[in-house]
Protein backbone atom coordinates (compact mmCIF):
# COMPACT_ATOMS: atom_id res chain seq x y z
CA UNK A 1 -38.47 59.69 144.72
CA UNK A 2 -40.05 62.02 143.27
CA UNK A 3 -37.66 62.54 141.04
CA UNK A 4 -37.95 59.33 139.43
CA UNK A 5 -41.68 59.11 138.48
CA UNK A 6 -41.22 62.74 137.15
CA UNK A 7 -38.87 61.77 134.30
CA UNK A 8 -40.95 59.10 132.66
CA UNK A 9 -44.21 61.01 132.71
CA UNK A 10 -42.29 64.07 131.45
CA UNK A 11 -40.82 61.42 128.48
CA UNK A 12 -44.17 60.36 127.70
CA UNK A 13 -45.61 63.87 127.69
CA UNK A 14 -43.23 64.70 124.96
CA UNK A 15 -44.05 65.43 121.51
CA UNK A 16 -42.24 63.42 119.33
CA UNK A 17 -41.23 61.33 121.49
CA UNK A 18 -43.74 58.47 120.38
CA UNK A 19 -44.82 59.46 116.67
CA UNK A 20 -41.18 59.52 115.45
CA UNK A 21 -40.82 55.69 115.76
CA UNK A 22 -43.76 54.24 114.70
CA UNK A 23 -44.55 54.99 111.10
CA UNK A 24 -40.37 53.16 110.46
CA UNK A 25 -42.17 49.81 112.31
CA UNK A 26 -44.99 49.66 110.15
CA UNK A 27 -44.38 50.58 107.05
CA UNK A 28 -41.85 47.34 106.51
CA UNK A 29 -44.08 44.77 107.60
CA UNK A 30 -46.62 46.30 105.18
CA UNK A 31 -43.91 46.51 102.26
CA UNK A 32 -43.01 42.66 103.27
CA UNK A 33 -47.34 41.85 103.82
CA UNK A 34 -48.02 43.31 100.32
CA UNK A 35 -44.69 40.85 98.30
CA UNK A 36 -46.10 37.28 100.62
CA UNK A 37 -48.63 36.48 98.60
CA UNK A 38 -46.98 36.87 95.40
CA UNK A 39 -44.33 34.70 96.21
CA UNK A 40 -46.65 32.64 97.80
CA UNK A 41 -48.26 32.00 94.50
CA UNK A 42 -45.50 29.65 92.72
CA UNK A 43 -44.29 27.59 95.85
CA UNK A 44 -45.59 24.01 95.94
CA UNK A 45 -46.36 21.52 98.74
CA UNK A 46 -43.60 18.48 98.13
CA UNK A 47 -44.59 15.40 100.12
CA UNK A 48 -41.30 12.76 99.91
CA UNK A 49 -42.18 9.34 101.15
CA UNK A 50 -38.66 7.41 101.79
CA UNK A 51 -38.96 3.41 101.93
CA UNK A 52 -36.37 1.08 103.42
CA UNK A 53 -35.54 -2.29 105.28
CA UNK A 54 -32.60 -0.79 106.67
CA UNK A 55 -32.67 1.95 109.01
CA UNK A 56 -29.45 3.51 108.63
CA UNK A 57 -29.23 3.70 104.83
CA UNK A 58 -32.90 5.73 105.08
CA UNK A 59 -31.90 8.33 107.94
CA UNK A 60 -29.02 9.31 105.72
CA UNK A 61 -31.24 9.96 103.00
CA UNK A 62 -33.70 11.23 105.34
CA UNK A 63 -30.96 13.98 106.81
CA UNK A 64 -29.09 14.75 103.59
CA UNK A 65 -32.46 16.08 101.76
CA UNK A 66 -33.36 18.08 104.77
CA UNK A 67 -29.43 19.55 104.89
CA UNK A 68 -29.91 20.85 100.83
CA UNK A 69 -33.67 21.76 101.48
CA UNK A 70 -31.71 23.89 104.47
CA UNK A 71 -29.29 24.86 102.38
CA UNK A 72 -31.34 26.25 99.89
CA UNK A 73 -33.97 28.01 102.24
CA UNK A 74 -37.19 25.78 102.18
CA UNK A 75 -39.96 25.33 105.44
CA UNK A 76 -39.12 21.48 106.32
CA UNK A 77 -41.16 19.44 108.23
CA UNK A 78 -39.75 16.08 109.12
CA UNK A 79 -38.39 13.44 109.29
CA UNK A 80 -41.88 12.06 110.39
CA UNK A 81 -41.02 8.47 111.49
CA UNK A 82 -44.62 6.22 109.77
CA UNK A 83 -44.96 3.37 111.85
CA UNK A 84 -43.26 0.37 111.46
CA UNK A 85 -44.62 -2.98 109.07
CA UNK A 86 -43.60 -5.74 110.15
CA UNK A 87 -44.32 -8.74 107.63
CA UNK A 88 -43.82 -11.89 109.62
CA UNK A 89 -43.71 -15.56 107.82
CA UNK A 90 -43.99 -18.32 110.00
CA UNK A 91 -42.45 -22.01 107.72
CA UNK A 92 -41.53 -25.89 108.30
CA UNK A 93 -37.36 -26.28 108.94
CA UNK A 94 -38.22 -29.47 107.05
CA UNK A 95 -39.07 -29.86 103.07
CA UNK A 96 -40.90 -33.48 103.58
CA UNK A 97 -42.69 -32.92 106.57
CA UNK A 98 -41.06 -35.87 108.63
CA UNK A 99 -39.53 -35.10 111.71
CA UNK A 100 -39.72 -33.30 114.55
CA UNK A 101 -42.21 -30.36 114.76
CA UNK A 102 -39.74 -27.55 114.38
CA UNK A 103 -40.17 -23.55 112.51
CA UNK A 104 -38.77 -21.10 111.17
CA UNK A 105 -39.60 -18.16 112.03
CA UNK A 106 -39.08 -14.86 109.00
CA UNK A 107 -39.92 -11.46 109.31
CA UNK A 108 -38.64 -8.34 107.38
CA UNK A 109 -39.23 -4.78 108.34
CA UNK A 110 -39.73 -1.83 106.55
CA UNK A 111 -39.45 1.66 107.65
CA UNK A 112 -41.00 4.91 106.84
CA UNK A 113 -40.03 8.28 107.34
CA UNK A 114 -41.84 11.30 105.59
CA UNK A 115 -40.45 14.69 104.75
CA UNK A 116 -42.15 17.77 103.76
CA UNK A 117 -41.19 20.66 102.10
CA UNK A 118 -42.31 23.71 100.63
CA UNK A 119 -40.43 25.18 97.34
CA UNK A 120 -41.01 26.26 94.19
CA UNK A 121 -40.78 25.02 91.06
CA UNK A 122 -37.52 25.70 90.57
CA UNK A 123 -35.58 24.44 93.64
CA UNK A 124 -37.55 20.78 93.07
CA UNK A 125 -34.44 18.92 91.08
CA UNK A 126 -31.82 20.52 92.74
CA UNK A 127 -32.97 18.80 96.15
CA UNK A 128 -34.31 15.52 94.38
CA UNK A 129 -30.46 15.01 93.36
CA UNK A 130 -29.06 13.78 96.31
CA UNK A 131 -26.77 10.80 96.85
CA UNK A 132 -29.61 7.86 97.73
CA UNK A 133 -28.55 4.51 99.18
CA UNK A 134 -29.25 1.66 98.61
CA UNK A 135 -31.97 -0.12 99.12
CA UNK A 136 -34.02 3.51 100.65
CA UNK A 137 -37.18 3.90 97.73
CA UNK A 138 -37.74 7.44 97.02
CA UNK A 139 -41.62 8.40 95.68
CA UNK A 140 -42.19 12.78 95.21
CA UNK A 141 -45.12 13.86 95.09
CA UNK A 142 -45.47 17.33 94.15
CA UNK A 143 -48.95 19.30 95.04
CA UNK A 144 -50.00 23.00 94.17
CA UNK A 145 -50.30 25.03 97.14
CA UNK A 146 -53.61 25.96 97.62
CA UNK A 147 -53.01 29.51 99.55
């Protein structure tokens, strides 16, 4: 039992045991850190806003946008599901106003999704050139990254 305890202490006291492994682990992180600010200068924050009355078409477009962005290796946040706007109209059924007072209740639901991307300006056109389902409105907002 004393031999098992002595073995780790001997390995720690050897002169080249820890010094050989430490410098290679530090050098790659320093190189990656030096290149990272140069790459982020041309990156843009892109916010894609999708609105539609049909949820299935909206989700199809969201999934195809995210799939295209991930194939290009971009950071994707979303889809963020915003609250559904419900537009309601209550009107009388009879045009002349006579008869029993019956009412129609009509409503239209507007669904909204947000997708945030971090990408260079060259990739923006490739991502947004996807097949858009009918009835889906796409709004693209590009902002320069502050970092």
